[in-house]
N, C-alpha and C. Protein backbone atom coordinates (compact mmCIF):
# COMPACT_ATOMS: atom_id res chain seq x y z
N MET A 1 52.30 -61.84 194.23
CA MET A 1 52.52 -63.03 193.55
C MET A 1 51.20 -63.67 193.21
N GLN A 2 50.16 -63.45 193.76
CA GLN A 2 49.00 -64.45 193.47
C GLN A 2 48.57 -64.28 192.18
N ASP A 3 48.37 -65.56 191.75
CA ASP A 3 48.02 -66.02 190.29
C ASP A 3 49.15 -65.90 189.07
N ARG A 4 50.45 -65.91 189.90
CA ARG A 4 51.30 -65.71 188.85
C ARG A 4 51.87 -67.07 188.05
N PHE A 5 51.69 -67.91 189.05
CA PHE A 5 51.68 -69.62 188.54
C PHE A 5 50.96 -70.42 188.08
N LYS A 6 51.16 -71.34 187.27
CA LYS A 6 50.00 -72.37 186.90
C LYS A 6 50.81 -73.36 186.09
N ILE A 7 49.98 -74.53 186.24
CA ILE A 7 50.12 -75.63 185.42
C ILE A 7 50.09 -75.88 184.36
N CYS A 8 51.18 -75.90 183.41
CA CYS A 8 50.81 -76.03 181.62
C CYS A 8 50.58 -77.33 180.97
N GLY A 9 50.29 -77.39 180.10
CA GLY A 9 50.03 -78.43 179.06
C GLY A 9 49.20 -79.50 179.63
N GLY A 10 47.99 -79.20 180.57
CA GLY A 10 47.07 -80.20 180.71
C GLY A 10 47.58 -81.46 181.60
N LYS A 11 48.54 -80.99 182.38
CA LYS A 11 49.17 -82.08 183.37
C LYS A 11 48.67 -82.11 184.69
N LEU A 12 47.46 -81.49 184.80
CA LEU A 12 47.25 -81.34 186.35
C LEU A 12 47.28 -82.78 186.97
N ASP A 13 46.57 -83.95 186.42
CA ASP A 13 46.48 -85.19 187.11
C ASP A 13 47.73 -85.59 187.19
N SER A 14 48.94 -85.24 186.86
CA SER A 14 50.31 -85.72 187.16
C SER A 14 50.57 -85.45 188.32
N PHE A 15 50.07 -84.49 189.09
CA PHE A 15 50.76 -84.37 190.51
C PHE A 15 49.68 -84.79 191.61
N GLU A 16 48.97 -85.82 191.21
CA GLU A 16 48.02 -86.36 192.11
C GLU A 16 48.51 -87.31 192.92
N GLY A 17 48.38 -86.85 194.34
CA GLY A 17 49.06 -87.73 195.39
C GLY A 17 50.72 -87.54 195.55
N THR A 18 51.47 -86.63 194.96
CA THR A 18 52.83 -86.45 194.93
C THR A 18 53.19 -85.55 196.02
N HIS A 19 54.68 -86.18 196.27
CA HIS A 19 55.74 -85.28 197.12
C HIS A 19 56.30 -84.43 196.23
N VAL A 20 56.39 -83.15 196.35
CA VAL A 20 57.26 -82.08 195.61
C VAL A 20 58.16 -81.32 196.53
N VAL A 21 59.15 -81.02 195.98
CA VAL A 21 60.16 -80.39 196.78
C VAL A 21 60.70 -78.95 195.80
N LEU A 22 60.26 -78.17 196.07
CA LEU A 22 60.73 -76.60 195.80
C LEU A 22 62.03 -76.19 196.12
N VAL A 23 62.67 -75.93 195.25
CA VAL A 23 64.25 -75.31 195.43
C VAL A 23 64.18 -73.86 195.25
N ASP A 24 64.82 -73.48 196.11
CA ASP A 24 65.01 -71.64 196.12
C ASP A 24 66.40 -71.31 196.61
N ASP A 25 66.84 -70.36 196.06
CA ASP A 25 68.21 -70.17 196.47
C ASP A 25 68.04 -69.25 198.05
N VAL A 26 67.32 -68.08 197.99
CA VAL A 26 67.33 -67.56 199.12
C VAL A 26 65.99 -67.01 199.20
N VAL A 27 65.45 -67.06 200.58
CA VAL A 27 64.05 -66.86 200.80
C VAL A 27 63.69 -65.40 201.39
N THR A 28 63.15 -64.57 200.82
CA THR A 28 62.86 -63.37 201.50
C THR A 28 61.89 -63.24 202.12
N THR A 29 60.45 -63.37 201.49
CA THR A 29 59.15 -63.46 202.17
C THR A 29 58.58 -64.87 202.18
N ALA A 30 58.99 -65.55 201.14
CA ALA A 30 58.58 -67.02 200.95
C ALA A 30 57.11 -66.42 200.23
N ALA A 31 56.93 -65.69 199.68
CA ALA A 31 55.66 -65.36 198.93
C ALA A 31 55.71 -66.37 197.46
N THR A 32 56.99 -66.49 196.72
CA THR A 32 56.87 -67.16 195.56
C THR A 32 57.06 -68.84 196.16
N LEU A 33 57.35 -69.14 197.16
CA LEU A 33 57.26 -70.63 197.38
C LEU A 33 56.05 -70.82 197.84
N ASN A 34 55.34 -70.09 198.54
CA ASN A 34 53.92 -70.27 199.07
C ASN A 34 52.81 -70.19 197.93
N GLU A 35 53.14 -69.48 196.91
CA GLU A 35 52.17 -69.56 195.60
C GLU A 35 52.54 -70.55 195.03
N CYS A 36 53.94 -70.89 194.75
CA CYS A 36 53.72 -72.16 194.09
C CYS A 36 53.48 -73.28 194.60
N ALA A 37 53.36 -73.54 195.90
CA ALA A 37 52.91 -74.70 196.63
C ALA A 37 51.77 -74.80 196.55
N LYS A 38 50.83 -73.53 196.65
CA LYS A 38 49.26 -73.23 196.65
C LYS A 38 48.42 -73.72 195.18
N VAL A 39 49.47 -73.46 194.15
CA VAL A 39 49.37 -73.85 193.01
C VAL A 39 49.51 -75.63 192.70
N LEU A 40 50.57 -76.20 193.23
CA LEU A 40 50.79 -77.49 193.43
C LEU A 40 49.88 -78.29 194.36
N TYR A 41 49.38 -77.85 195.33
CA TYR A 41 48.45 -78.49 196.21
C TYR A 41 47.09 -78.37 195.42
N ASP A 42 46.49 -77.29 194.78
CA ASP A 42 45.54 -77.41 193.98
C ASP A 42 45.61 -78.31 192.74
N ALA A 43 46.45 -78.70 192.36
CA ALA A 43 46.66 -79.67 191.56
C ALA A 43 47.08 -81.08 191.72
N GLY A 44 46.84 -81.28 193.27
CA GLY A 44 46.94 -82.90 193.84
C GLY A 44 48.09 -83.10 194.76
N ALA A 45 49.23 -82.25 194.57
CA ALA A 45 50.16 -82.53 195.22
C ALA A 45 49.95 -82.58 196.88
N ARG A 46 50.26 -83.55 197.64
CA ARG A 46 49.54 -83.67 198.88
C ARG A 46 51.01 -83.20 199.89
N ILE A 47 52.07 -83.31 199.33
CA ILE A 47 53.33 -83.17 200.46
C ILE A 47 54.02 -82.11 199.65
N ILE A 48 54.32 -80.96 200.36
CA ILE A 48 54.95 -79.85 199.58
C ILE A 48 56.30 -79.52 200.27
N SER A 49 57.66 -79.62 200.10
CA SER A 49 58.50 -79.38 200.74
C SER A 49 59.60 -78.36 200.19
N TYR A 50 60.18 -77.59 200.99
CA TYR A 50 60.74 -76.21 200.39
C TYR A 50 62.28 -76.73 200.83
N ALA A 51 63.29 -76.56 200.07
CA ALA A 51 64.77 -76.67 200.18
C ALA A 51 65.23 -75.42 199.95
N THR A 52 65.82 -74.51 200.64
CA THR A 52 66.71 -73.30 200.35
C THR A 52 68.05 -73.13 201.01
N PHE A 53 68.75 -72.19 200.35
CA PHE A 53 70.09 -72.34 200.75
C PHE A 53 70.49 -71.09 201.59
N GLY A 54 69.45 -70.00 201.83
CA GLY A 54 69.80 -69.10 202.65
C GLY A 54 68.24 -68.20 202.90
N ARG A 55 68.48 -67.46 203.64
CA ARG A 55 67.12 -66.45 204.32
C ARG A 55 67.67 -65.38 204.36
N ALA A 56 66.57 -64.30 203.92
CA ALA A 56 66.95 -62.81 203.93
C ALA A 56 66.90 -62.64 205.61
N HIS A 57 67.53 -61.50 206.40
CA HIS A 57 67.28 -61.10 207.58
C HIS A 57 65.65 -60.54 207.59
N ALA A 58 64.98 -61.02 209.03
CA ALA A 58 63.80 -60.58 208.97
C ALA A 58 63.95 -59.68 210.14
N SER A 59 62.96 -58.52 210.37
CA SER A 59 62.84 -57.49 211.15
C SER A 59 63.21 -57.70 212.41
N GLY A 60 62.65 -59.02 213.10
CA GLY A 60 62.91 -59.25 214.53
C GLY A 60 64.24 -60.36 214.51
N ASP A 61 64.62 -60.49 213.56
CA ASP A 61 66.20 -61.07 213.75
C ASP A 61 67.26 -60.71 214.90
N ARG A 62 67.87 -61.43 215.31
CA ARG A 62 69.10 -60.76 216.20
C ARG A 62 70.20 -61.27 215.04
N LEU A 63 71.06 -60.24 214.94
CA LEU A 63 72.23 -60.00 214.08
C LEU A 63 73.60 -60.61 215.14
């Protein structure tokens, strides 16, 4: 997932100091959320929250 996301349209300064909420339906490895958060943080966002509706089972989960 590295370098798959970028801020387009020269709007980098529009994220300066903002709180951004990323929404994803199911988190498997969190690679997508983490890469998006990195790009947003580099663009100036200071608080990045995740909202998800489900999580895939991890190998250590008790079922």
